[in-house]
PDBML (XML) file of the C-alpha atoms, coordinates in Angstrom:
<?xml version="1.0" encoding="UTF-8" ?>
<PDBx:datablock datablockName="MODEL"
   xmlns:PDBx="http://pdbml.pdb.org/schema/pdbx-v50.xsd"
   xmlns:xsi="http://www.w3.org/2001/XMLSchema-instance"
   xsi:schemaLocation="http://pdbml.pdb.org/schema/pdbx-v50.xsd pdbx-v50.xsd">
   <PDBx:atom_siteCategory>
      <PDBx:atom_site id="1">
         <PDBx:B_iso_or_equiv>0.00</PDBx:B_iso_or_equiv>
         <PDBx:Cartn_x>118.034</PDBx:Cartn_x>
         <PDBx:Cartn_y>84.473</PDBx:Cartn_y>
         <PDBx:Cartn_z>39.876</PDBx:Cartn_z>
         <PDBx:auth_asym_id>A</PDBx:auth_asym_id>
         <PDBx:auth_atom_id>CA</PDBx:auth_atom_id>
         <PDBx:auth_comp_id>PHE</PDBx:auth_comp_id>
         <PDBx:auth_seq_id>1</PDBx:auth_seq_id>
         <PDBx:group_PDB>ATOM</PDBx:group_PDB>
         <PDBx:label_alt_id xsi:nil="true" />
         <PDBx:label_asym_id>A</PDBx:label_asym_id>
         <PDBx:label_atom_id>CA</PDBx:label_atom_id>
         <PDBx:label_comp_id>PHE</PDBx:label_comp_id>
         <PDBx:label_entity_id>1</PDBx:label_entity_id>
         <PDBx:label_seq_id>1</PDBx:label_seq_id>
         <PDBx:occupancy>1.00</PDBx:occupancy>
         <PDBx:pdbx_PDB_model_num>1</PDBx:pdbx_PDB_model_num>
         <PDBx:type_symbol>C</PDBx:type_symbol>
      </PDBx:atom_site>
      <PDBx:atom_site id="2">
         <PDBx:B_iso_or_equiv>0.00</PDBx:B_iso_or_equiv>
         <PDBx:Cartn_x>117.185</PDBx:Cartn_x>
         <PDBx:Cartn_y>87.829</PDBx:Cartn_y>
         <PDBx:Cartn_z>37.911</PDBx:Cartn_z>
         <PDBx:auth_asym_id>A</PDBx:auth_asym_id>
         <PDBx:auth_atom_id>CA</PDBx:auth_atom_id>
         <PDBx:auth_comp_id>SER</PDBx:auth_comp_id>
         <PDBx:auth_seq_id>2</PDBx:auth_seq_id>
         <PDBx:group_PDB>ATOM</PDBx:group_PDB>
         <PDBx:label_alt_id xsi:nil="true" />
         <PDBx:label_asym_id>A</PDBx:label_asym_id>
         <PDBx:label_atom_id>CA</PDBx:label_atom_id>
         <PDBx:label_comp_id>SER</PDBx:label_comp_id>
         <PDBx:label_entity_id>1</PDBx:label_entity_id>
         <PDBx:label_seq_id>2</PDBx:label_seq_id>
         <PDBx:occupancy>1.00</PDBx:occupancy>
         <PDBx:pdbx_PDB_model_num>1</PDBx:pdbx_PDB_model_num>
         <PDBx:type_symbol>C</PDBx:type_symbol>
      </PDBx:atom_site>
      <PDBx:atom_site id="3">
         <PDBx:B_iso_or_equiv>0.00</PDBx:B_iso_or_equiv>
         <PDBx:Cartn_x>118.602</PDBx:Cartn_x>
         <PDBx:Cartn_y>90.145</PDBx:Cartn_y>
         <PDBx:Cartn_z>35.272</PDBx:Cartn_z>
         <PDBx:auth_asym_id>A</PDBx:auth_asym_id>
         <PDBx:auth_atom_id>CA</PDBx:auth_atom_id>
         <PDBx:auth_comp_id>TYR</PDBx:auth_comp_id>
         <PDBx:auth_seq_id>3</PDBx:auth_seq_id>
         <PDBx:group_PDB>ATOM</PDBx:group_PDB>
         <PDBx:label_alt_id xsi:nil="true" />
         <PDBx:label_asym_id>A</PDBx:label_asym_id>
         <PDBx:label_atom_id>CA</PDBx:label_atom_id>
         <PDBx:label_comp_id>TYR</PDBx:label_comp_id>
         <PDBx:label_entity_id>1</PDBx:label_entity_id>
         <PDBx:label_seq_id>3</PDBx:label_seq_id>
         <PDBx:occupancy>1.00</PDBx:occupancy>
         <PDBx:pdbx_PDB_model_num>1</PDBx:pdbx_PDB_model_num>
         <PDBx:type_symbol>C</PDBx:type_symbol>
      </PDBx:atom_site>
      <PDBx:atom_site id="4">
         <PDBx:B_iso_or_equiv>0.00</PDBx:B_iso_or_equiv>
         <PDBx:Cartn_x>121.370</PDBx:Cartn_x>
         <PDBx:Cartn_y>92.921</PDBx:Cartn_y>
         <PDBx:Cartn_z>35.076</PDBx:Cartn_z>
         <PDBx:auth_asym_id>A</PDBx:auth_asym_id>
         <PDBx:auth_atom_id>CA</PDBx:auth_atom_id>
         <PDBx:auth_comp_id>ILE</PDBx:auth_comp_id>
         <PDBx:auth_seq_id>4</PDBx:auth_seq_id>
         <PDBx:group_PDB>ATOM</PDBx:group_PDB>
         <PDBx:label_alt_id xsi:nil="true" />
         <PDBx:label_asym_id>A</PDBx:label_asym_id>
         <PDBx:label_atom_id>CA</PDBx:label_atom_id>
         <PDBx:label_comp_id>ILE</PDBx:label_comp_id>
         <PDBx:label_entity_id>1</PDBx:label_entity_id>
         <PDBx:label_seq_id>4</PDBx:label_seq_id>
         <PDBx:occupancy>1.00</PDBx:occupancy>
         <PDBx:pdbx_PDB_model_num>1</PDBx:pdbx_PDB_model_num>
         <PDBx:type_symbol>C</PDBx:type_symbol>
      </PDBx:atom_site>
      <PDBx:atom_site id="5">
         <PDBx:B_iso_or_equiv>0.00</PDBx:B_iso_or_equiv>
         <PDBx:Cartn_x>122.800</PDBx:Cartn_x>
         <PDBx:Cartn_y>95.159</PDBx:Cartn_y>
         <PDBx:Cartn_z>32.774</PDBx:Cartn_z>
         <PDBx:auth_asym_id>A</PDBx:auth_asym_id>
         <PDBx:auth_atom_id>CA</PDBx:auth_atom_id>
         <PDBx:auth_comp_id>ASP</PDBx:auth_comp_id>
         <PDBx:auth_seq_id>5</PDBx:auth_seq_id>
         <PDBx:group_PDB>ATOM</PDBx:group_PDB>
         <PDBx:label_alt_id xsi:nil="true" />
         <PDBx:label_asym_id>A</PDBx:label_asym_id>
         <PDBx:label_atom_id>CA</PDBx:label_atom_id>
         <PDBx:label_comp_id>ASP</PDBx:label_comp_id>
         <PDBx:label_entity_id>1</PDBx:label_entity_id>
         <PDBx:label_seq_id>5</PDBx:label_seq_id>
         <PDBx:occupancy>1.00</PDBx:occupancy>
         <PDBx:pdbx_PDB_model_num>1</PDBx:pdbx_PDB_model_num>
         <PDBx:type_symbol>C</PDBx:type_symbol>
      </PDBx:atom_site>
      <PDBx:atom_site id="6">
         <PDBx:B_iso_or_equiv>0.00</PDBx:B_iso_or_equiv>
         <PDBx:Cartn_x>125.817</PDBx:Cartn_x>
         <PDBx:Cartn_y>93.681</PDBx:Cartn_y>
         <PDBx:Cartn_z>30.816</PDBx:Cartn_z>
         <PDBx:auth_asym_id>A</PDBx:auth_asym_id>
         <PDBx:auth_atom_id>CA</PDBx:auth_atom_id>
         <PDBx:auth_comp_id>VAL</PDBx:auth_comp_id>
         <PDBx:auth_seq_id>6</PDBx:auth_seq_id>
         <PDBx:group_PDB>ATOM</PDBx:group_PDB>
         <PDBx:label_alt_id xsi:nil="true" />
         <PDBx:label_asym_id>A</PDBx:label_asym_id>
         <PDBx:label_atom_id>CA</PDBx:label_atom_id>
         <PDBx:label_comp_id>VAL</PDBx:label_comp_id>
         <PDBx:label_entity_id>1</PDBx:label_entity_id>
         <PDBx:label_seq_id>6</PDBx:label_seq_id>
         <PDBx:occupancy>1.00</PDBx:occupancy>
         <PDBx:pdbx_PDB_model_num>1</PDBx:pdbx_PDB_model_num>
         <PDBx:type_symbol>C</PDBx:type_symbol>
      </PDBx:atom_site>
      <PDBx:atom_site id="7">
         <PDBx:B_iso_or_equiv>0.00</PDBx:B_iso_or_equiv>
         <PDBx:Cartn_x>127.754</PDBx:Cartn_x>
         <PDBx:Cartn_y>96.836</PDBx:Cartn_y>
         <PDBx:Cartn_z>31.524</PDBx:Cartn_z>
         <PDBx:auth_asym_id>A</PDBx:auth_asym_id>
         <PDBx:auth_atom_id>CA</PDBx:auth_atom_id>
         <PDBx:auth_comp_id>ILE</PDBx:auth_comp_id>
         <PDBx:auth_seq_id>7</PDBx:auth_seq_id>
         <PDBx:group_PDB>ATOM</PDBx:group_PDB>
         <PDBx:label_alt_id xsi:nil="true" />
         <PDBx:label_asym_id>A</PDBx:label_asym_id>
         <PDBx:label_atom_id>CA</PDBx:label_atom_id>
         <PDBx:label_comp_id>ILE</PDBx:label_comp_id>
         <PDBx:label_entity_id>1</PDBx:label_entity_id>
         <PDBx:label_seq_id>7</PDBx:label_seq_id>
         <PDBx:occupancy>1.00</PDBx:occupancy>
         <PDBx:pdbx_PDB_model_num>1</PDBx:pdbx_PDB_model_num>
         <PDBx:type_symbol>C</PDBx:type_symbol>
      </PDBx:atom_site>
      <PDBx:atom_site id="8">
         <PDBx:B_iso_or_equiv>0.00</PDBx:B_iso_or_equiv>
         <PDBx:Cartn_x>128.735</PDBx:Cartn_x>
         <PDBx:Cartn_y>95.086</PDBx:Cartn_y>
         <PDBx:Cartn_z>34.874</PDBx:Cartn_z>
         <PDBx:auth_asym_id>A</PDBx:auth_asym_id>
         <PDBx:auth_atom_id>CA</PDBx:auth_atom_id>
         <PDBx:auth_comp_id>PHE</PDBx:auth_comp_id>
         <PDBx:auth_seq_id>8</PDBx:auth_seq_id>
         <PDBx:group_PDB>ATOM</PDBx:group_PDB>
         <PDBx:label_alt_id xsi:nil="true" />
         <PDBx:label_asym_id>A</PDBx:label_asym_id>
         <PDBx:label_atom_id>CA</PDBx:label_atom_id>
         <PDBx:label_comp_id>PHE</PDBx:label_comp_id>
         <PDBx:label_entity_id>1</PDBx:label_entity_id>
         <PDBx:label_seq_id>8</PDBx:label_seq_id>
         <PDBx:occupancy>1.00</PDBx:occupancy>
         <PDBx:pdbx_PDB_model_num>1</PDBx:pdbx_PDB_model_num>
         <PDBx:type_symbol>C</PDBx:type_symbol>
      </PDBx:atom_site>
      <PDBx:atom_site id="9">
         <PDBx:B_iso_or_equiv>0.00</PDBx:B_iso_or_equiv>
         <PDBx:Cartn_x>131.413</PDBx:Cartn_x>
         <PDBx:Cartn_y>92.063</PDBx:Cartn_y>
         <PDBx:Cartn_z>35.158</PDBx:Cartn_z>
         <PDBx:auth_asym_id>A</PDBx:auth_asym_id>
         <PDBx:auth_atom_id>CA</PDBx:auth_atom_id>
         <PDBx:auth_comp_id>THR</PDBx:auth_comp_id>
         <PDBx:auth_seq_id>9</PDBx:auth_seq_id>
         <PDBx:group_PDB>ATOM</PDBx:group_PDB>
         <PDBx:label_alt_id xsi:nil="true" />
         <PDBx:label_asym_id>A</PDBx:label_asym_id>
         <PDBx:label_atom_id>CA</PDBx:label_atom_id>
         <PDBx:label_comp_id>THR</PDBx:label_comp_id>
         <PDBx:label_entity_id>1</PDBx:label_entity_id>
         <PDBx:label_seq_id>9</PDBx:label_seq_id>
         <PDBx:occupancy>1.00</PDBx:occupancy>
         <PDBx:pdbx_PDB_model_num>1</PDBx:pdbx_PDB_model_num>
         <PDBx:type_symbol>C</PDBx:type_symbol>
      </PDBx:atom_site>
      <PDBx:atom_site id="10">
         <PDBx:B_iso_or_equiv>0.00</PDBx:B_iso_or_equiv>
         <PDBx:Cartn_x>130.136</PDBx:Cartn_x>
         <PDBx:Cartn_y>88.835</PDBx:Cartn_y>
         <PDBx:Cartn_z>36.212</PDBx:Cartn_z>
         <PDBx:auth_asym_id>A</PDBx:auth_asym_id>
         <PDBx:auth_atom_id>CA</PDBx:auth_atom_id>
         <PDBx:auth_comp_id>ASN</PDBx:auth_comp_id>
         <PDBx:auth_seq_id>10</PDBx:auth_seq_id>
         <PDBx:group_PDB>ATOM</PDBx:group_PDB>
         <PDBx:label_alt_id xsi:nil="true" />
         <PDBx:label_asym_id>A</PDBx:label_asym_id>
         <PDBx:label_atom_id>CA</PDBx:label_atom_id>
         <PDBx:label_comp_id>ASN</PDBx:label_comp_id>
         <PDBx:label_entity_id>1</PDBx:label_entity_id>
         <PDBx:label_seq_id>10</PDBx:label_seq_id>
         <PDBx:occupancy>1.00</PDBx:occupancy>
         <PDBx:pdbx_PDB_model_num>1</PDBx:pdbx_PDB_model_num>
         <PDBx:type_symbol>C</PDBx:type_symbol>
      </PDBx:atom_site>
      <PDBx:atom_site id="11">
         <PDBx:B_iso_or_equiv>0.00</PDBx:B_iso_or_equiv>
         <PDBx:Cartn_x>131.653</PDBx:Cartn_x>
         <PDBx:Cartn_y>85.394</PDBx:Cartn_y>
         <PDBx:Cartn_z>36.329</PDBx:Cartn_z>
         <PDBx:auth_asym_id>A</PDBx:auth_asym_id>
         <PDBx:auth_atom_id>CA</PDBx:auth_atom_id>
         <PDBx:auth_comp_id>GLY</PDBx:auth_comp_id>
         <PDBx:auth_seq_id>11</PDBx:auth_seq_id>
         <PDBx:group_PDB>ATOM</PDBx:group_PDB>
         <PDBx:label_alt_id xsi:nil="true" />
         <PDBx:label_asym_id>A</PDBx:label_asym_id>
         <PDBx:label_atom_id>CA</PDBx:label_atom_id>
         <PDBx:label_comp_id>GLY</PDBx:label_comp_id>
         <PDBx:label_entity_id>1</PDBx:label_entity_id>
         <PDBx:label_seq_id>11</PDBx:label_seq_id>
         <PDBx:occupancy>1.00</PDBx:occupancy>
         <PDBx:pdbx_PDB_model_num>1</PDBx:pdbx_PDB_model_num>
         <PDBx:type_symbol>C</PDBx:type_symbol>
      </PDBx:atom_site>
      <PDBx:atom_site id="12">
         <PDBx:B_iso_or_equiv>0.00</PDBx:B_iso_or_equiv>
         <PDBx:Cartn_x>130.646</PDBx:Cartn_x>
         <PDBx:Cartn_y>82.409</PDBx:Cartn_y>
         <PDBx:Cartn_z>34.423</PDBx:Cartn_z>
         <PDBx:auth_asym_id>A</PDBx:auth_asym_id>
         <PDBx:auth_atom_id>CA</PDBx:auth_atom_id>
         <PDBx:auth_comp_id>VAL</PDBx:auth_comp_id>
         <PDBx:auth_seq_id>12</PDBx:auth_seq_id>
         <PDBx:group_PDB>ATOM</PDBx:group_PDB>
         <PDBx:label_alt_id xsi:nil="true" />
         <PDBx:label_asym_id>A</PDBx:label_asym_id>
         <PDBx:label_atom_id>CA</PDBx:label_atom_id>
         <PDBx:label_comp_id>VAL</PDBx:label_comp_id>
         <PDBx:label_entity_id>1</PDBx:label_entity_id>
         <PDBx:label_seq_id>12</PDBx:label_seq_id>
         <PDBx:occupancy>1.00</PDBx:occupancy>
         <PDBx:pdbx_PDB_model_num>1</PDBx:pdbx_PDB_model_num>
         <PDBx:type_symbol>C</PDBx:type_symbol>
      </PDBx:atom_site>
      <PDBx:atom_site id="13">
         <PDBx:B_iso_or_equiv>0.00</PDBx:B_iso_or_equiv>
         <PDBx:Cartn_x>130.126</PDBx:Cartn_x>
         <PDBx:Cartn_y>78.599</PDBx:Cartn_y>
         <PDBx:Cartn_z>35.244</PDBx:Cartn_z>
         <PDBx:auth_asym_id>A</PDBx:auth_asym_id>
         <PDBx:auth_atom_id>CA</PDBx:auth_atom_id>
         <PDBx:auth_comp_id>ARG</PDBx:auth_comp_id>
         <PDBx:auth_seq_id>13</PDBx:auth_seq_id>
         <PDBx:group_PDB>ATOM</PDBx:group_PDB>
         <PDBx:label_alt_id xsi:nil="true" />
         <PDBx:label_asym_id>A</PDBx:label_asym_id>
         <PDBx:label_atom_id>CA</PDBx:label_atom_id>
         <PDBx:label_comp_id>ARG</PDBx:label_comp_id>
         <PDBx:label_entity_id>1</PDBx:label_entity_id>
         <PDBx:label_seq_id>13</PDBx:label_seq_id>
         <PDBx:occupancy>1.00</PDBx:occupancy>
         <PDBx:pdbx_PDB_model_num>1</PDBx:pdbx_PDB_model_num>
         <PDBx:type_symbol>C</PDBx:type_symbol>
      </PDBx:atom_site>
      <PDBx:atom_site id="14">
         <PDBx:B_iso_or_equiv>0.00</PDBx:B_iso_or_equiv>
         <PDBx:Cartn_x>130.497</PDBx:Cartn_x>
         <PDBx:Cartn_y>76.281</PDBx:Cartn_y>
         <PDBx:Cartn_z>31.819</PDBx:Cartn_z>
         <PDBx:auth_asym_id>A</PDBx:auth_asym_id>
         <PDBx:auth_atom_id>CA</PDBx:auth_atom_id>
         <PDBx:auth_comp_id>PRO</PDBx:auth_comp_id>
         <PDBx:auth_seq_id>14</PDBx:auth_seq_id>
         <PDBx:group_PDB>ATOM</PDBx:group_PDB>
         <PDBx:label_alt_id xsi:nil="true" />
         <PDBx:label_asym_id>A</PDBx:label_asym_id>
         <PDBx:label_atom_id>CA</PDBx:label_atom_id>
         <PDBx:label_comp_id>PRO</PDBx:label_comp_id>
         <PDBx:label_entity_id>1</PDBx:label_entity_id>
         <PDBx:label_seq_id>14</PDBx:label_seq_id>
         <PDBx:occupancy>1.00</PDBx:occupancy>
         <PDBx:pdbx_PDB_model_num>1</PDBx:pdbx_PDB_model_num>
         <PDBx:type_symbol>C</PDBx:type_symbol>
      </PDBx:atom_site>
      <PDBx:atom_site id="15">
         <PDBx:B_iso_or_equiv>0.00</PDBx:B_iso_or_equiv>
         <PDBx:Cartn_x>128.550</PDBx:Cartn_x>
         <PDBx:Cartn_y>73.918</PDBx:Cartn_y>
         <PDBx:Cartn_z>30.781</PDBx:Cartn_z>
         <PDBx:auth_asym_id>A</PDBx:auth_asym_id>
         <PDBx:auth_atom_id>CA</PDBx:auth_atom_id>
         <PDBx:auth_comp_id>SER</PDBx:auth_comp_id>
         <PDBx:auth_seq_id>15</PDBx:auth_seq_id>
         <PDBx:group_PDB>ATOM</PDBx:group_PDB>
         <PDBx:label_alt_id xsi:nil="true" />
         <PDBx:label_asym_id>A</PDBx:label_asym_id>
         <PDBx:label_atom_id>CA</PDBx:label_atom_id>
         <PDBx:label_comp_id>SER</PDBx:label_comp_id>
         <PDBx:label_entity_id>1</PDBx:label_entity_id>
         <PDBx:label_seq_id>15</PDBx:label_seq_id>
         <PDBx:occupancy>1.00</PDBx:occupancy>
         <PDBx:pdbx_PDB_model_num>1</PDBx:pdbx_PDB_model_num>
         <PDBx:type_symbol>C</PDBx:type_symbol>
      </PDBx:atom_site>
      <PDBx:atom_site id="16">
         <PDBx:B_iso_or_equiv>0.00</PDBx:B_iso_or_equiv>
         <PDBx:Cartn_x>128.550</PDBx:Cartn_x>
         <PDBx:Cartn_y>71.096</PDBx:Cartn_y>
         <PDBx:Cartn_z>28.821</PDBx:Cartn_z>
         <PDBx:auth_asym_id>A</PDBx:auth_asym_id>
         <PDBx:auth_atom_id>CA</PDBx:auth_atom_id>
         <PDBx:auth_comp_id>ILE</PDBx:auth_comp_id>
         <PDBx:auth_seq_id>16</PDBx:auth_seq_id>
         <PDBx:group_PDB>ATOM</PDBx:group_PDB>
         <PDBx:label_alt_id xsi:nil="true" />
         <PDBx:label_asym_id>A</PDBx:label_asym_id>
         <PDBx:label_atom_id>CA</PDBx:label_atom_id>
         <PDBx:label_comp_id>ILE</PDBx:label_comp_id>
         <PDBx:label_entity_id>1</PDBx:label_entity_id>
         <PDBx:label_seq_id>16</PDBx:label_seq_id>
         <PDBx:occupancy>1.00</PDBx:occupancy>
         <PDBx:pdbx_PDB_model_num>1</PDBx:pdbx_PDB_model_num>
         <PDBx:type_symbol>C</PDBx:type_symbol>
      </PDBx:atom_site>
      <PDBx:atom_site id="17">
         <PDBx:B_iso_or_equiv>0.00</PDBx:B_iso_or_equiv>
         <PDBx:Cartn_x>125.812</PDBx:Cartn_x>
         <PDBx:Cartn_y>68.887</PDBx:Cartn_y>
         <PDBx:Cartn_z>27.304</PDBx:Cartn_z>
         <PDBx:auth_asym_id>A</PDBx:auth_asym_id>
         <PDBx:auth_atom_id>CA</PDBx:auth_atom_id>
         <PDBx:auth_comp_id>SER</PDBx:auth_comp_id>
         <PDBx:auth_seq_id>17</PDBx:auth_seq_id>
         <PDBx:group_PDB>ATOM</PDBx:group_PDB>
         <PDBx:label_alt_id xsi:nil="true" />
         <PDBx:label_asym_id>A</PDBx:label_asym_id>
         <PDBx:label_atom_id>CA</PDBx:label_atom_id>
         <PDBx:label_comp_id>SER</PDBx:label_comp_id>
         <PDBx:label_entity_id>1</PDBx:label_entity_id>
         <PDBx:label_seq_id>17</PDBx:label_seq_id>
         <PDBx:occupancy>1.00</PDBx:occupancy>
         <PDBx:pdbx_PDB_model_num>1</PDBx:pdbx_PDB_model_num>
         <PDBx:type_symbol>C</PDBx:type_symbol>
      </PDBx:atom_site>
      <PDBx:atom_site id="18">
         <PDBx:B_iso_or_equiv>0.00</PDBx:B_iso_or_equiv>
         <PDBx:Cartn_x>125.983</PDBx:Cartn_x>
         <PDBx:Cartn_y>65.201</PDBx:Cartn_y>
         <PDBx:Cartn_z>26.936</PDBx:Cartn_z>
         <PDBx:auth_asym_id>A</PDBx:auth_asym_id>
         <PDBx:auth_atom_id>CA</PDBx:auth_atom_id>
         <PDBx:auth_comp_id>LEU</PDBx:auth_comp_id>
         <PDBx:auth_seq_id>18</PDBx:auth_seq_id>
         <PDBx:group_PDB>ATOM</PDBx:group_PDB>
         <PDBx:label_alt_id xsi:nil="true" />
         <PDBx:label_asym_id>A</PDBx:label_asym_id>
         <PDBx:label_atom_id>CA</PDBx:label_atom_id>
         <PDBx:label_comp_id>LEU</PDBx:label_comp_id>
         <PDBx:label_entity_id>1</PDBx:label_entity_id>
         <PDBx:label_seq_id>18</PDBx:label_seq_id>
         <PDBx:occupancy>1.00</PDBx:occupancy>
         <PDBx:pdbx_PDB_model_num>1</PDBx:pdbx_PDB_model_num>
         <PDBx:type_symbol>C</PDBx:type_symbol>
      </PDBx:atom_site>
      <PDBx:atom_site id="19">
         <PDBx:B_iso_or_equiv>0.00</PDBx:B_iso_or_equiv>
         <PDBx:Cartn_x>124.190</PDBx:Cartn_x>
         <PDBx:Cartn_y>62.791</PDBx:Cartn_y>
         <PDBx:Cartn_z>24.745</PDBx:Cartn_z>
         <PDBx:auth_asym_id>A</PDBx:auth_asym_id>
         <PDBx:auth_atom_id>CA</PDBx:auth_atom_id>
         <PDBx:auth_comp_id>LYS</PDBx:auth_comp_id>
         <PDBx:auth_seq_id>19</PDBx:auth_seq_id>
         <PDBx:group_PDB>ATOM</PDBx:group_PDB>
         <PDBx:label_alt_id xsi:nil="true" />
         <PDBx:label_asym_id>A</PDBx:label_asym_id>
         <PDBx:label_atom_id>CA</PDBx:label_atom_id>
         <PDBx:label_comp_id>LYS</PDBx:label_comp_id>
         <PDBx:label_entity_id>1</PDBx:label_entity_id>
         <PDBx:label_seq_id>19</PDBx:label_seq_id>
         <PDBx:occupancy>1.00</PDBx:occupancy>
         <PDBx:pdbx_PDB_model_num>1</PDBx:pdbx_PDB_model_num>
         <PDBx:type_symbol>C</PDBx:type_symbol>
      </PDBx:atom_site>
      <PDBx:atom_site id="20">
         <PDBx:B_iso_or_equiv>0.00</PDBx:B_iso_or_equiv>
         <PDBx:Cartn_x>121.557</PDBx:Cartn_x>
         <PDBx:Cartn_y>60.368</PDBx:Cartn_y>
         <PDBx:Cartn_z>26.240</PDBx:Cartn_z>
         <PDBx:auth_asym_id>A</PDBx:auth_asym_id>
         <PDBx:auth_atom_id>CA</PDBx:auth_atom_id>
         <PDBx:auth_comp_id>SER</PDBx:auth_comp_id>
         <PDBx:auth_seq_id>20</PDBx:auth_seq_id>
         <PDBx:group_PDB>ATOM</PDBx:group_PDB>
         <PDBx:label_alt_id xsi:nil="true" />
         <PDBx:label_asym_id>A</PDBx:label_asym_id>
         <PDBx:label_atom_id>CA</PDBx:label_atom_id>
         <PDBx:label_comp_id>SER</PDBx:label_comp_id>
         <PDBx:label_entity_id>1</PDBx:label_entity_id>
         <PDBx:label_seq_id>20</PDBx:label_seq_id>
         <PDBx:occupancy>1.00</PDBx:occupancy>
         <PDBx:pdbx_PDB_model_num>1</PDBx:pdbx_PDB_model_num>
         <PDBx:type_symbol>C</PDBx:type_symbol>
      </PDBx:atom_site>
      <PDBx:atom_site id="21">
         <PDBx:B_iso_or_equiv>0.00</PDBx:B_iso_or_equiv>
         <PDBx:Cartn_x>123.503</PDBx:Cartn_x>
         <PDBx:Cartn_y>57.402</PDBx:Cartn_y>
         <PDBx:Cartn_z>26.034</PDBx:Cartn_z>
         <PDBx:auth_asym_id>A</PDBx:auth_asym_id>
         <PDBx:auth_atom_id>CA</PDBx:auth_atom_id>
         <PDBx:auth_comp_id>THR</PDBx:auth_comp_id>
         <PDBx:auth_seq_id>21</PDBx:auth_seq_id>
         <PDBx:group_PDB>ATOM</PDBx:group_PDB>
         <PDBx:label_alt_id xsi:nil="true" />
         <PDBx:label_asym_id>A</PDBx:label_asym_id>
         <PDBx:label_atom_id>CA</PDBx:label_atom_id>
         <PDBx:label_comp_id>THR</PDBx:label_comp_id>
         <PDBx:label_entity_id>1</PDBx:label_entity_id>
         <PDBx:label_seq_id>21</PDBx:label_seq_id>
         <PDBx:occupancy>1.00</PDBx:occupancy>
         <PDBx:pdbx_PDB_model_num>1</PDBx:pdbx_PDB_model_num>
         <PDBx:type_symbol>C</PDBx:type_symbol>
      </PDBx:atom_site>
      <PDBx:atom_site id="22">
         <PDBx:B_iso_or_equiv>0.00</PDBx:B_iso_or_equiv>
         <PDBx:Cartn_x>126.328</PDBx:Cartn_x>
         <PDBx:Cartn_y>58.674</PDBx:Cartn_y>
         <PDBx:Cartn_z>27.789</PDBx:Cartn_z>
         <PDBx:auth_asym_id>A</PDBx:auth_asym_id>
         <PDBx:auth_atom_id>CA</PDBx:auth_atom_id>
         <PDBx:auth_comp_id>THR</PDBx:auth_comp_id>
         <PDBx:auth_seq_id>22</PDBx:auth_seq_id>
         <PDBx:group_PDB>ATOM</PDBx:group_PDB>
         <PDBx:label_alt_id xsi:nil="true" />
         <PDBx:label_asym_id>A</PDBx:label_asym_id>
         <PDBx:label_atom_id>CA</PDBx:label_atom_id>
         <PDBx:label_comp_id>THR</PDBx:label_comp_id>
         <PDBx:label_entity_id>1</PDBx:label_entity_id>
         <PDBx:label_seq_id>22</PDBx:label_seq_id>
         <PDBx:occupancy>1.00</PDBx:occupancy>
         <PDBx:pdbx_PDB_model_num>1</PDBx:pdbx_PDB_model_num>
         <PDBx:type_symbol>C</PDBx:type_symbol>
      </PDBx:atom_site>
      <PDBx:atom_site id="23">
         <PDBx:B_iso_or_equiv>0.00</PDBx:B_iso_or_equiv>
         <PDBx:Cartn_x>127.311</PDBx:Cartn_x>
         <PDBx:Cartn_y>57.047</PDBx:Cartn_y>
         <PDBx:Cartn_z>31.231</PDBx:Cartn_z>
         <PDBx:auth_asym_id>A</PDBx:auth_asym_id>
         <PDBx:auth_atom_id>CA</PDBx:auth_atom_id>
         <PDBx:auth_comp_id>ASN</PDBx:auth_comp_id>
         <PDBx:auth_seq_id>23</PDBx:auth_seq_id>
         <PDBx:group_PDB>ATOM</PDBx:group_PDB>
         <PDBx:label_alt_id xsi:nil="true" />
         <PDBx:label_asym_id>A</PDBx:label_asym_id>
         <PDBx:label_atom_id>CA</PDBx:label_atom_id>
         <PDBx:label_comp_id>ASN</PDBx:label_comp_id>
         <PDBx:label_entity_id>1</PDBx:label_entity_id>
         <PDBx:label_seq_id>23</PDBx:label_seq_id>
         <PDBx:occupancy>1.00</PDBx:occupancy>
         <PDBx:pdbx_PDB_model_num>1</PDBx:pdbx_PDB_model_num>
         <PDBx:type_symbol>C</PDBx:type_symbol>
      </PDBx:atom_site>
      <PDBx:atom_site id="24">
         <PDBx:B_iso_or_equiv>0.00</PDBx:B_iso_or_equiv>
         <PDBx:Cartn_x>127.322</PDBx:Cartn_x>
         <PDBx:Cartn_y>59.134</PDBx:Cartn_y>
         <PDBx:Cartn_z>34.129</PDBx:Cartn_z>
         <PDBx:auth_asym_id>A</PDBx:auth_asym_id>
         <PDBx:auth_atom_id>CA</PDBx:auth_atom_id>
         <PDBx:auth_comp_id>VAL</PDBx:auth_comp_id>
         <PDBx:auth_seq_id>24</PDBx:auth_seq_id>
         <PDBx:group_PDB>ATOM</PDBx:group_PDB>
         <PDBx:label_alt_id xsi:nil="true" />
         <PDBx:label_asym_id>A</PDBx:label_asym_id>
         <PDBx:label_atom_id>CA</PDBx:label_atom_id>
         <PDBx:label_comp_id>VAL</PDBx:label_comp_id>
         <PDBx:label_entity_id>1</PDBx:label_entity_id>
         <PDBx:label_seq_id>24</PDBx:label_seq_id>
         <PDBx:occupancy>1.00</PDBx:occupancy>
         <PDBx:pdbx_PDB_model_num>1</PDBx:pdbx_PDB_model_num>
         <PDBx:type_symbol>C</PDBx:type_symbol>
      </PDBx:atom_site>
   </PDBx:atom_siteCategory>
</PDBx:datablock>
């Protein structure tokens, strides 16, 4: 886990937020 210049091409890992009442 670090930081890097945004000139590089990186991937993404999308995320979603759920309400506390959501059954998982």
